[in-house]
Amino acid sequence: LSCAASGGALSSYAMGWFRQTPEKEREGKEREFVAVISWSGTSTYYA
């Protein structure tokens, strides 16, 4: 998967990926965390 940004530089942001299924959305559950990378790219964290 790719995530392209416009309107600002991503270098200032930590970037995460989340996911959601229709069932969980209907149940009112929040999006599930998948992964995140720090603004510097040196740190990551995964579900």
All heavy atoms as atom14 arrays in JSON, in Angstrom:
{
  "sequence": "LSCAASGGALSSYAMGWFRQTPEKEREGKEREFVAVISWSGTSTYYA",
  "atom14_mask": [
    [1, 1, 1, 1, 1, 1, 1, 1, 0, 0, 0, 0, 0, 0],
    [1, 1, 1, 1, 1, 1, 0, 0, 0, 0, 0, 0, 0, 0],
    [1, 1, 1, 1, 1, 1, 0, 0, 0, 0, 0, 0, 0, 0],
    [1, 1, 1, 1, 1, 0, 0, 0, 0, 0, 0, 0, 0, 0],
    [1, 1, 1, 1, 1, 0, 0, 0, 0, 0, 0, 0, 0, 0],
    [1, 1, 1, 1, 1, 1, 0, 0, 0, 0, 0, 0, 0, 0],
    [1, 1, 1, 1, 0, 0, 0, 0, 0, 0, 0, 0, 0, 0],
    [1, 1, 1, 1, 0, 0, 0, 0, 0, 0, 0, 0, 0, 0],
    [1, 1, 1, 1, 1, 0, 0, 0, 0, 0, 0, 0, 0, 0],
    [1, 1, 1, 1, 1, 1, 1, 1, 0, 0, 0, 0, 0, 0],
    [1, 1, 1, 1, 1, 1, 0, 0, 0, 0, 0, 0, 0, 0],
    [1, 1, 1, 1, 1, 1, 0, 0, 0, 0, 0, 0, 0, 0],
    [1, 1, 1, 1, 1, 1, 1, 1, 1, 1, 1, 1, 0, 0],
    [1, 1, 1, 1, 1, 0, 0, 0, 0, 0, 0, 0, 0, 0],
    [1, 1, 1, 1, 1, 1, 1, 1, 0, 0, 0, 0, 0, 0],
    [1, 1, 1, 1, 0, 0, 0, 0, 0, 0, 0, 0, 0, 0],
    [1, 1, 1, 1, 1, 1, 1, 1, 1, 1, 1, 1, 1, 1],
    [1, 1, 1, 1, 1, 1, 1, 1, 1, 1, 1, 0, 0, 0],
    [1, 1, 1, 1, 1, 1, 1, 1, 1, 1, 1, 0, 0, 0],
    [1, 1, 1, 1, 1, 1, 1, 1, 1, 0, 0, 0, 0, 0],
    [1, 1, 1, 1, 1, 1, 1, 0, 0, 0, 0, 0, 0, 0],
    [1, 1, 1, 1, 1, 1, 1, 0, 0, 0, 0, 0, 0, 0],
    [1, 1, 1, 1, 1, 1, 1, 1, 1, 0, 0, 0, 0, 0],
    [1, 1, 1, 1, 1, 1, 1, 1, 1, 0, 0, 0, 0, 0],
    [1, 1, 1, 1, 1, 1, 1, 1, 1, 0, 0, 0, 0, 0],
    [1, 1, 1, 1, 1, 1, 1, 1, 1, 1, 1, 0, 0, 0],
    [1, 1, 1, 1, 1, 1, 1, 1, 1, 0, 0, 0, 0, 0],
    [1, 1, 1, 1, 0, 0, 0, 0, 0, 0, 0, 0, 0, 0],
    [1, 1, 1, 1, 1, 1, 1, 1, 1, 0, 0, 0, 0, 0],
    [1, 1, 1, 1, 1, 1, 1, 1, 1, 0, 0, 0, 0, 0],
    [1, 1, 1, 1, 1, 1, 1, 1, 1, 1, 1, 0, 0, 0],
    [1, 1, 1, 1, 1, 1, 1, 1, 1, 0, 0, 0, 0, 0],
    [1, 1, 1, 1, 1, 1, 1, 1, 1, 1, 1, 0, 0, 0],
    [1, 1, 1, 1, 1, 1, 1, 0, 0, 0, 0, 0, 0, 0],
    [1, 1, 1, 1, 1, 0, 0, 0, 0, 0, 0, 0, 0, 0],
    [1, 1, 1, 1, 1, 1, 1, 0, 0, 0, 0, 0, 0, 0],
    [1, 1, 1, 1, 1, 1, 1, 1, 0, 0, 0, 0, 0, 0],
    [1, 1, 1, 1, 1, 1, 0, 0, 0, 0, 0, 0, 0, 0],
    [1, 1, 1, 1, 1, 1, 1, 1, 1, 1, 1, 1, 1, 1],
    [1, 1, 1, 1, 1, 1, 0, 0, 0, 0, 0, 0, 0, 0],
    [1, 1, 1, 1, 0, 0, 0, 0, 0, 0, 0, 0, 0, 0],
    [1, 1, 1, 1, 1, 1, 1, 0, 0, 0, 0, 0, 0, 0],
    [1, 1, 1, 1, 1, 1, 0, 0, 0, 0, 0, 0, 0, 0],
    [1, 1, 1, 1, 1, 1, 1, 0, 0, 0, 0, 0, 0, 0],
    [1, 1, 1, 1, 1, 1, 1, 1, 1, 1, 1, 1, 0, 0],
    [1, 1, 1, 1, 1, 1, 1, 1, 1, 1, 1, 1, 0, 0],
    [1, 1, 1, 1, 1, 0, 0, 0, 0, 0, 0, 0, 0, 0]
  ],
  "atom14_positions": [
    [[0.84, -1.19, 0.0], [0.0, 0.0, 0.0], [0.88, 1.24, 0.0], [1.96, 1.25, 0.6], [-0.91, 0.02, 1.22], [-1.79, -1.21, 1.45], [-2.69, -0.97, 2.66], [-2.61, -1.52, 0.22], [0.0, 0.0, 0.0], [0.0, 0.0, 0.0], [0.0, 0.0, 0.0], [0.0, 0.0, 0.0], [0.0, 0.0, 0.0], [0.0, 0.0, 0.0]],
    [[0.39, 2.27, -0.66], [1.06, 3.56, -0.67], [0.12, 4.63, -0.14], [-1.09, 4.52, -0.31], [1.5, 3.94, -2.09], [2.4, 3.01, -2.62], [0.0, 0.0, 0.0], [0.0, 0.0, 0.0], [0.0, 0.0, 0.0], [0.0, 0.0, 0.0], [0.0, 0.0, 0.0], [0.0, 0.0, 0.0], [0.0, 0.0, 0.0], [0.0, 0.0, 0.0]],
    [[0.7, 5.63, 0.46], [-0.06, 6.78, 0.95], [0.69, 8.03, 0.51], [1.77, 8.32, 1.03], [-0.18, 6.72, 2.46], [-0.91, 8.2, 3.21], [0.0, 0.0, 0.0], [0.0, 0.0, 0.0], [0.0, 0.0, 0.0], [0.0, 0.0, 0.0], [0.0, 0.0, 0.0], [0.0, 0.0, 0.0], [0.0, 0.0, 0.0], [0.0, 0.0, 0.0]],
    [[0.13, 8.74, -0.45], [0.77, 9.93, -0.99], [0.14, 11.17, -0.37], [-1.09, 11.27, -0.25], [0.62, 9.97, -2.5], [0.0, 0.0, 0.0], [0.0, 0.0, 0.0], [0.0, 0.0, 0.0], [0.0, 0.0, 0.0], [0.0, 0.0, 0.0], [0.0, 0.0, 0.0], [0.0, 0.0, 0.0], [0.0, 0.0, 0.0], [0.0, 0.0, 0.0]],
    [[0.97, 12.12, -0.03], [0.51, 13.34, 0.63], [0.66, 14.55, -0.28], [1.58, 14.62, -1.1], [1.27, 13.58, 1.91], [0.0, 0.0, 0.0], [0.0, 0.0, 0.0], [0.0, 0.0, 0.0], [0.0, 0.0, 0.0], [0.0, 0.0, 0.0], [0.0, 0.0, 0.0], [0.0, 0.0, 0.0], [0.0, 0.0, 0.0], [0.0, 0.0, 0.0]],
    [[-0.24, 15.49, -0.1], [-0.13, 16.78, -0.75], [-0.57, 17.85, 0.23], [-1.21, 17.55, 1.24], [-0.98, 16.83, -2.02], [-2.34, 16.62, -1.71], [0.0, 0.0, 0.0], [0.0, 0.0, 0.0], [0.0, 0.0, 0.0], [0.0, 0.0, 0.0], [0.0, 0.0, 0.0], [0.0, 0.0, 0.0], [0.0, 0.0, 0.0], [0.0, 0.0, 0.0]],
    [[-0.18, 19.08, -0.04], [-0.58, 20.18, 0.82], [0.3, 20.37, 2.02], [0.03, 21.23, 2.86], [0.0, 0.0, 0.0], [0.0, 0.0, 0.0], [0.0, 0.0, 0.0], [0.0, 0.0, 0.0], [0.0, 0.0, 0.0], [0.0, 0.0, 0.0], [0.0, 0.0, 0.0], [0.0, 0.0, 0.0], [0.0, 0.0, 0.0], [0.0, 0.0, 0.0]],
    [[1.35, 19.58, 2.15], [2.25, 19.7, 3.29], [3.3, 18.63, 3.24], [3.13, 17.61, 2.56], [0.0, 0.0, 0.0], [0.0, 0.0, 0.0], [0.0, 0.0, 0.0], [0.0, 0.0, 0.0], [0.0, 0.0, 0.0], [0.0, 0.0, 0.0], [0.0, 0.0, 0.0], [0.0, 0.0, 0.0], [0.0, 0.0, 0.0], [0.0, 0.0, 0.0]],
    [[4.39, 18.84, 3.95], [5.48, 17.88, 3.96], [5.24, 16.83, 5.04], [5.03, 17.17, 6.21], [6.79, 18.61, 4.21], [0.0, 0.0, 0.0], [0.0, 0.0, 0.0], [0.0, 0.0, 0.0], [0.0, 0.0, 0.0], [0.0, 0.0, 0.0], [0.0, 0.0, 0.0], [0.0, 0.0, 0.0], [0.0, 0.0, 0.0], [0.0, 0.0, 0.0]],
    [[5.33, 15.56, 4.66], [5.12, 14.49, 5.62], [6.25, 14.38, 6.63], [6.1, 13.75, 7.67], [4.97, 13.15, 4.9], [3.63, 12.86, 4.25], [3.62, 11.42, 3.74], [2.49, 13.11, 5.21], [0.0, 0.0, 0.0], [0.0, 0.0, 0.0], [0.0, 0.0, 0.0], [0.0, 0.0, 0.0], [0.0, 0.0, 0.0], [0.0, 0.0, 0.0]],
    [[7.37, 15.0, 6.34], [8.54, 14.87, 7.2], [8.29, 15.41, 8.61], [9.05, 15.11, 9.52], [9.74, 15.58, 6.57], [9.43, 16.93, 6.29], [0.0, 0.0, 0.0], [0.0, 0.0, 0.0], [0.0, 0.0, 0.0], [0.0, 0.0, 0.0], [0.0, 0.0, 0.0], [0.0, 0.0, 0.0], [0.0, 0.0, 0.0], [0.0, 0.0, 0.0]],
    [[7.23, 16.2, 8.79], [6.91, 16.73, 10.12], [5.99, 15.82, 10.92], [5.68, 16.14, 12.08], [6.22, 18.1, 9.98], [7.05, 19.02, 9.32], [0.0, 0.0, 0.0], [0.0, 0.0, 0.0], [0.0, 0.0, 0.0], [0.0, 0.0, 0.0], [0.0, 0.0, 0.0], [0.0, 0.0, 0.0], [0.0, 0.0, 0.0], [0.0, 0.0, 0.0]],
    [[5.54, 14.73, 10.31], [4.51, 13.91, 10.91], [4.96, 12.47, 11.14], [5.66, 11.89, 10.31], [3.28, 13.87, 10.0], [2.61, 15.2, 9.79], [3.05, 16.06, 8.79], [1.55, 15.59, 10.58], [2.45, 17.28, 8.6], [0.93, 16.82, 10.38], [1.39, 17.66, 9.39], [0.79, 18.87, 9.21], [0.0, 0.0, 0.0], [0.0, 0.0, 0.0]],
    [[4.51, 11.92, 12.25], [4.51, 10.47, 12.38], [3.35, 9.96, 11.54], [2.29, 10.6, 11.48], [4.34, 10.06, 13.83], [0.0, 0.0, 0.0], [0.0, 0.0, 0.0], [0.0, 0.0, 0.0], [0.0, 0.0, 0.0], [0.0, 0.0, 0.0], [0.0, 0.0, 0.0], [0.0, 0.0, 0.0], [0.0, 0.0, 0.0], [0.0, 0.0, 0.0]],
    [[3.55, 8.82, 10.89], [2.55, 8.3, 9.96], [2.1, 6.91, 10.38], [2.94, 6.05, 10.66], [3.12, 8.24, 8.55], [3.5, 9.6, 7.97], [2.08, 10.7, 7.82], [1.03, 9.76, 6.69], [0.0, 0.0, 0.0], [0.0, 0.0, 0.0], [0.0, 0.0, 0.0], [0.0, 0.0, 0.0], [0.0, 0.0, 0.0], [0.0, 0.0, 0.0]],
    [[0.81, 6.72, 10.41], [0.26, 5.44, 10.83], [-0.63, 4.82, 9.78], [-1.11, 5.49, 8.87], [0.0, 0.0, 0.0], [0.0, 0.0, 0.0], [0.0, 0.0, 0.0], [0.0, 0.0, 0.0], [0.0, 0.0, 0.0], [0.0, 0.0, 0.0], [0.0, 0.0, 0.0], [0.0, 0.0, 0.0], [0.0, 0.0, 0.0], [0.0, 0.0, 0.0]],
    [[-0.79, 3.51, 9.92], [-1.77, 2.76, 9.12], [-2.77, 2.13, 10.09], [-2.37, 1.57, 11.12], [-1.1, 1.67, 8.29], [-0.37, 2.16, 7.08], [0.97, 2.44, 7.0], [-0.92, 2.44, 5.79], [1.28, 2.87, 5.73], [0.14, 2.87, 4.97], [-2.2, 2.35, 5.24], [-0.04, 3.23, 3.63], [-2.38, 2.71, 3.91], [-1.31, 3.14, 3.12]],
    [[-4.02, 2.23, 9.73], [-5.11, 1.65, 10.5], [-5.99, 0.86, 9.54], [-5.89, 1.02, 8.31], [-5.94, 2.75, 11.18], [-5.2, 3.5, 12.24], [-4.3, 4.5, 11.91], [-5.4, 3.22, 13.58], [-3.6, 5.2, 12.89], [-4.72, 3.92, 14.57], [-3.82, 4.9, 14.22], [0.0, 0.0, 0.0], [0.0, 0.0, 0.0], [0.0, 0.0, 0.0]],
    [[-6.87, 0.04, 10.1], [-7.81, -0.69, 9.25], [-9.16, -0.81, 9.95], [-9.25, -0.72, 11.17], [-7.24, -2.06, 8.88], [-7.02, -3.02, 10.03], [-6.26, -4.24, 9.55], [-6.05, -5.22, 10.61], [-5.31, -6.3, 10.5], [-4.67, -6.57, 9.35], [-5.18, -7.14, 11.51], [0.0, 0.0, 0.0], [0.0, 0.0, 0.0], [0.0, 0.0, 0.0]],
    [[-10.17, -1.06, 9.11], [-11.53, -1.16, 9.64], [-12.33, -2.1, 8.75], [-12.18, -2.09, 7.52], [-12.18, 0.24, 9.65], [-13.59, 0.31, 10.19], [-13.66, 0.04, 11.67], [-13.42, -1.08, 12.12], [-14.0, 1.06, 12.45], [0.0, 0.0, 0.0], [0.0, 0.0, 0.0], [0.0, 0.0, 0.0], [0.0, 0.0, 0.0], [0.0, 0.0, 0.0]],
    [[-13.17, -2.91, 9.36], [-14.11, -3.75, 8.62], [-15.51, -3.18, 8.78], [-15.79, -2.49, 9.78], [-14.08, -5.19, 9.13], [-14.53, -5.2, 10.48], [-12.68, -5.78, 9.05], [0.0, 0.0, 0.0], [0.0, 0.0, 0.0], [0.0, 0.0, 0.0], [0.0, 0.0, 0.0], [0.0, 0.0, 0.0], [0.0, 0.0, 0.0], [0.0, 0.0, 0.0]],
    [[-16.4, -3.46, 7.84], [-17.78, -2.96, 7.96], [-18.46, -3.43, 9.24], [-19.21, -2.67, 9.85], [-18.45, -3.53, 6.72], [-17.36, -3.78, 5.75], [-16.17, -4.16, 6.58], [0.0, 0.0, 0.0], [0.0, 0.0, 0.0], [0.0, 0.0, 0.0], [0.0, 0.0, 0.0], [0.0, 0.0, 0.0], [0.0, 0.0, 0.0], [0.0, 0.0, 0.0]],
    [[-18.16, -4.68, 9.65], [-18.8, -5.21, 10.85], [-18.41, -4.39, 12.08], [-19.26, -4.01, 12.89], [-18.4, -6.68, 11.06], [-18.89, -7.64, 10.0], [-18.09, -7.58, 8.71], [-16.99, -6.99, 8.7], [-18.57, -8.13, 7.7], [0.0, 0.0, 0.0], [0.0, 0.0, 0.0], [0.0, 0.0, 0.0], [0.0, 0.0, 0.0], [0.0, 0.0, 0.0]],
    [[-17.11, -4.09, 12.18], [-16.65, -3.35, 13.36], [-17.11, -1.9, 13.31], [-17.36, -1.29, 14.35], [-15.14, -3.45, 13.47], [-14.69, -4.86, 13.83], [-13.22, -4.96, 14.13], [-12.87, -6.38, 14.55], [-11.42, -6.56, 14.76], [0.0, 0.0, 0.0], [0.0, 0.0, 0.0], [0.0, 0.0, 0.0], [0.0, 0.0, 0.0], [0.0, 0.0, 0.0]],
    [[-17.25, -1.39, 12.09], [-17.76, -0.03, 11.97], [-19.21, 0.02, 12.44], [-19.62, 0.95, 13.15], [-17.64, 0.47, 10.53], [-17.96, 1.94, 10.37], [-17.41, 2.52, 9.08], [-17.04, 1.73, 8.18], [-17.35, 3.75, 8.99], [0.0, 0.0, 0.0], [0.0, 0.0, 0.0], [0.0, 0.0, 0.0], [0.0, 0.0, 0.0], [0.0, 0.0, 0.0]],
    [[-20.0, -1.0, 12.05], [-21.4, -1.05, 12.49], [-21.48, -1.2, 14.01], [-22.42, -0.7, 14.63], [-22.13, -2.2, 11.81], [-22.53, -1.93, 10.38], [-23.53, -2.97, 9.89], [-22.91, -4.29, 9.79], [-22.3, -4.74, 8.7], [-22.2, -3.98, 7.62], [-21.79, -5.96, 8.67], [0.0, 0.0, 0.0], [0.0, 0.0, 0.0], [0.0, 0.0, 0.0]],
    [[-20.52, -1.86, 14.6], [-20.5, -2.03, 16.06], [-20.0, -0.78, 16.77], [-19.98, -0.76, 18.0], [-19.59, -3.22, 16.42], [-20.14, -4.57, 15.95], [-19.13, -5.69, 16.1], [-18.02, -5.44, 16.63], [-19.44, -6.82, 15.68], [0.0, 0.0, 0.0], [0.0, 0.0, 0.0], [0.0, 0.0, 0.0], [0.0, 0.0, 0.0], [0.0, 0.0, 0.0]],
    [[-19.59, 0.21, 15.99], [-19.12, 1.45, 16.59], [-17.72, 1.38, 17.14], [-17.32, 2.23, 17.95], [0.0, 0.0, 0.0], [0.0, 0.0, 0.0], [0.0, 0.0, 0.0], [0.0, 0.0, 0.0], [0.0, 0.0, 0.0], [0.0, 0.0, 0.0], [0.0, 0.0, 0.0], [0.0, 0.0, 0.0], [0.0, 0.0, 0.0], [0.0, 0.0, 0.0]],
    [[-16.94, 0.38, 16.69], [-15.57, 0.25, 17.19], [-14.64, 1.17, 16.42], [-14.85, 1.44, 15.24], [-15.13, -1.2, 17.09], [-15.94, -2.12, 17.99], [-15.35, -3.51, 18.06], [-16.14, -4.36, 19.04], [-15.64, -5.75, 19.12], [0.0, 0.0, 0.0], [0.0, 0.0, 0.0], [0.0, 0.0, 0.0], [0.0, 0.0, 0.0], [0.0, 0.0, 0.0]],
    [[-13.61, 1.61, 17.08], [-12.66, 2.5, 16.42], [-11.79, 1.7, 15.47], [-11.69, 0.48, 15.55], [-11.79, 3.23, 17.45], [-10.82, 2.38, 18.22], [-9.98, 3.19, 19.2], [-10.39, 4.3, 19.59], [-8.89, 2.71, 19.56], [0.0, 0.0, 0.0], [0.0, 0.0, 0.0], [0.0, 0.0, 0.0], [0.0, 0.0, 0.0], [0.0, 0.0, 0.0]],
    [[-11.17, 2.42, 14.58], [-10.27, 1.79, 13.62], [-9.13, 1.09, 14.34], [-8.61, 1.59, 15.34], [-9.74, 2.83, 12.64], [-10.85, 3.36, 11.73], [-10.39, 4.51, 10.85], [-11.5, 4.97, 10.0], [-11.46, 6.02, 9.2], [-10.35, 6.76, 9.12], [-12.5, 6.35, 8.46], [0.0, 0.0, 0.0], [0.0, 0.0, 0.0], [0.0, 0.0, 0.0]],
    [[-8.74, -0.04, 13.8], [-7.71, -0.87, 14.42], [-6.33, -0.4, 14.0], [-6.04, -0.26, 12.8], [-7.89, -2.33, 14.01], [-6.84, -3.28, 14.55], [-6.93, -4.67, 13.93], [-7.72, -4.88, 13.0], [-6.18, -5.57, 14.4], [0.0, 0.0, 0.0], [0.0, 0.0, 0.0], [0.0, 0.0, 0.0], [0.0, 0.0, 0.0], [0.0, 0.0, 0.0]],
    [[-5.48, -0.19, 14.96], [-4.1, 0.19, 14.69], [-3.36, -0.95, 14.01], [-3.5, -2.12, 14.41], [-3.41, 0.56, 16.0], [-1.92, 0.66, 15.89], [-1.34, 1.76, 15.28], [-1.09, -0.34, 16.38], [0.03, 1.87, 15.16], [0.29, -0.23, 16.27], [0.85, 0.87, 15.65], [0.0, 0.0, 0.0], [0.0, 0.0, 0.0], [0.0, 0.0, 0.0]],
    [[-2.55, -0.6, 13.0], [-1.75, -1.6, 12.28], [-0.25, -1.33, 12.48], [0.49, -2.21, 12.91], [-2.07, -1.59, 10.77], [-1.14, -2.54, 10.02], [-3.53, -1.97, 10.53], [0.0, 0.0, 0.0], [0.0, 0.0, 0.0], [0.0, 0.0, 0.0], [0.0, 0.0, 0.0], [0.0, 0.0, 0.0], [0.0, 0.0, 0.0], [0.0, 0.0, 0.0]],
    [[0.18, -0.12, 12.16], [1.61, 0.21, 12.24], [1.78, 1.71, 12.24], [0.91, 2.44, 11.77], [2.37, -0.4, 11.06], [0.0, 0.0, 0.0], [0.0, 0.0, 0.0], [0.0, 0.0, 0.0], [0.0, 0.0, 0.0], [0.0, 0.0, 0.0], [0.0, 0.0, 0.0], [0.0, 0.0, 0.0], [0.0, 0.0, 0.0], [0.0, 0.0, 0.0]],
    [[2.92, 2.16, 12.76], [3.24, 3.58, 12.75], [4.74, 3.74, 12.6], [5.52, 2.89, 13.03], [2.73, 4.29, 14.04], [3.36, 3.7, 15.28], [2.93, 5.8, 13.96], [0.0, 0.0, 0.0], [0.0, 0.0, 0.0], [0.0, 0.0, 0.0], [0.0, 0.0, 0.0], [0.0, 0.0, 0.0], [0.0, 0.0, 0.0], [0.0, 0.0, 0.0]],
    [[5.13, 4.83, 11.96], [6.55, 5.16, 11.79], [6.76, 6.59, 12.25], [5.94, 7.47, 11.99], [7.0, 4.95, 10.33], [8.51, 5.12, 10.17], [6.24, 5.85, 9.35], [9.05, 4.61, 8.85], [0.0, 0.0, 0.0], [0.0, 0.0, 0.0], [0.0, 0.0, 0.0], [0.0, 0.0, 0.0], [0.0, 0.0, 0.0], [0.0, 0.0, 0.0]],
    [[7.86, 6.81, 12.95], [8.15, 8.14, 13.48], [8.44, 9.12, 12.35], [8.73, 8.73, 11.21], [9.35, 8.08, 14.43], [10.51, 7.64, 13.72], [0.0, 0.0, 0.0], [0.0, 0.0, 0.0], [0.0, 0.0, 0.0], [0.0, 0.0, 0.0], [0.0, 0.0, 0.0], [0.0, 0.0, 0.0], [0.0, 0.0, 0.0], [0.0, 0.0, 0.0]],
    [[8.42, 10.42, 12.69], [8.67, 11.44, 11.68], [10.06, 11.28, 11.08], [10.28, 11.57, 9.9], [8.5, 12.84, 12.27], [9.53, 13.18, 13.32], [9.42, 12.97, 14.66], [10.81, 13.75, 13.11], [10.56, 13.37, 15.29], [11.43, 13.87, 14.36], [11.5, 14.2, 11.98], [12.7, 14.41, 14.52], [12.77, 14.74, 12.12], [13.36, 14.83, 13.39]],
    [[11.02, 10.79, 11.87], [12.38, 10.64, 11.38], [12.58, 9.35, 10.6], [13.58, 9.18, 9.9], [13.37, 10.66, 12.54], [13.13, 9.54, 13.37], [0.0, 0.0, 0.0], [0.0, 0.0, 0.0], [0.0, 0.0, 0.0], [0.0, 0.0, 0.0], [0.0, 0.0, 0.0], [0.0, 0.0, 0.0], [0.0, 0.0, 0.0], [0.0, 0.0, 0.0]],
    [[11.63, 8.43, 10.74], [11.77, 7.14, 10.08], [12.62, 6.14, 10.85], [12.81, 5.01, 10.4], [0.0, 0.0, 0.0], [0.0, 0.0, 0.0], [0.0, 0.0, 0.0], [0.0, 0.0, 0.0], [0.0, 0.0, 0.0], [0.0, 0.0, 0.0], [0.0, 0.0, 0.0], [0.0, 0.0, 0.0], [0.0, 0.0, 0.0], [0.0, 0.0, 0.0]],
    [[13.12, 6.53, 12.0], [14.04, 5.66, 12.74], [13.33, 4.71, 13.69], [13.94, 3.74, 14.17], [15.04, 6.49, 13.53], [14.33, 7.38, 14.41], [15.92, 7.31, 12.6], [0.0, 0.0, 0.0], [0.0, 0.0, 0.0], [0.0, 0.0, 0.0], [0.0, 0.0, 0.0], [0.0, 0.0, 0.0], [0.0, 0.0, 0.0], [0.0, 0.0, 0.0]],
    [[12.07, 4.97, 13.97], [11.33, 4.1, 14.9], [10.03, 3.66, 14.27], [9.37, 4.43, 13.56], [11.03, 4.86, 16.2], [12.21, 5.24, 16.84], [0.0, 0.0, 0.0], [0.0, 0.0, 0.0], [0.0, 0.0, 0.0], [0.0, 0.0, 0.0], [0.0, 0.0, 0.0], [0.0, 0.0, 0.0], [0.0, 0.0, 0.0], [0.0, 0.0, 0.0]],
    [[9.67, 2.41, 14.56], [8.4, 1.87, 14.09], [7.76, 1.07, 15.21], [8.43, 0.65, 16.17], [8.59, 0.94, 12.87], [9.51, -0.11, 13.22], [9.12, 1.7, 11.67], [0.0, 0.0, 0.0], [0.0, 0.0, 0.0], [0.0, 0.0, 0.0], [0.0, 0.0, 0.0], [0.0, 0.0, 0.0], [0.0, 0.0, 0.0], [0.0, 0.0, 0.0]],
    [[6.47, 0.85, 15.06], [5.72, 0.09, 16.07], [4.59, -0.61, 15.34], [3.93, 0.0, 14.48], [5.21, 1.05, 17.13], [4.33, 0.44, 18.2], [4.75, -0.66, 18.94], [3.09, 0.99, 18.49], [3.95, -1.21, 19.92], [2.27, 0.46, 19.47], [2.71, -0.64, 20.19], [1.92, -1.18, 21.16], [0.0, 0.0, 0.0], [0.0, 0.0, 0.0]],
    [[4.37, -1.89, 15.68], [3.38, -2.7, 14.98], [2.39, -3.33, 15.94], [2.73, -3.67, 17.08], [4.08, -3.81, 14.19], [4.99, -3.33, 13.11], [6.34, -3.1, 13.35], [4.5, -3.1, 11.83], [7.19, -2.64, 12.35], [5.34, -2.64, 10.81], [6.67, -2.42, 11.09], [7.51, -1.96, 10.1], [0.0, 0.0, 0.0], [0.0, 0.0, 0.0]],
    [[1.19, -3.54, 15.44], [0.24, -4.36, 16.17], [0.76, -5.79, 16.19], [1.4, -6.26, 15.24], [-1.13, -4.31, 15.49], [0.0, 0.0, 0.0], [0.0, 0.0, 0.0], [0.0, 0.0, 0.0], [0.0, 0.0, 0.0], [0.0, 0.0, 0.0], [0.0, 0.0, 0.0], [0.0, 0.0, 0.0], [0.0, 0.0, 0.0], [0.0, 0.0, 0.0]]
  ]
}
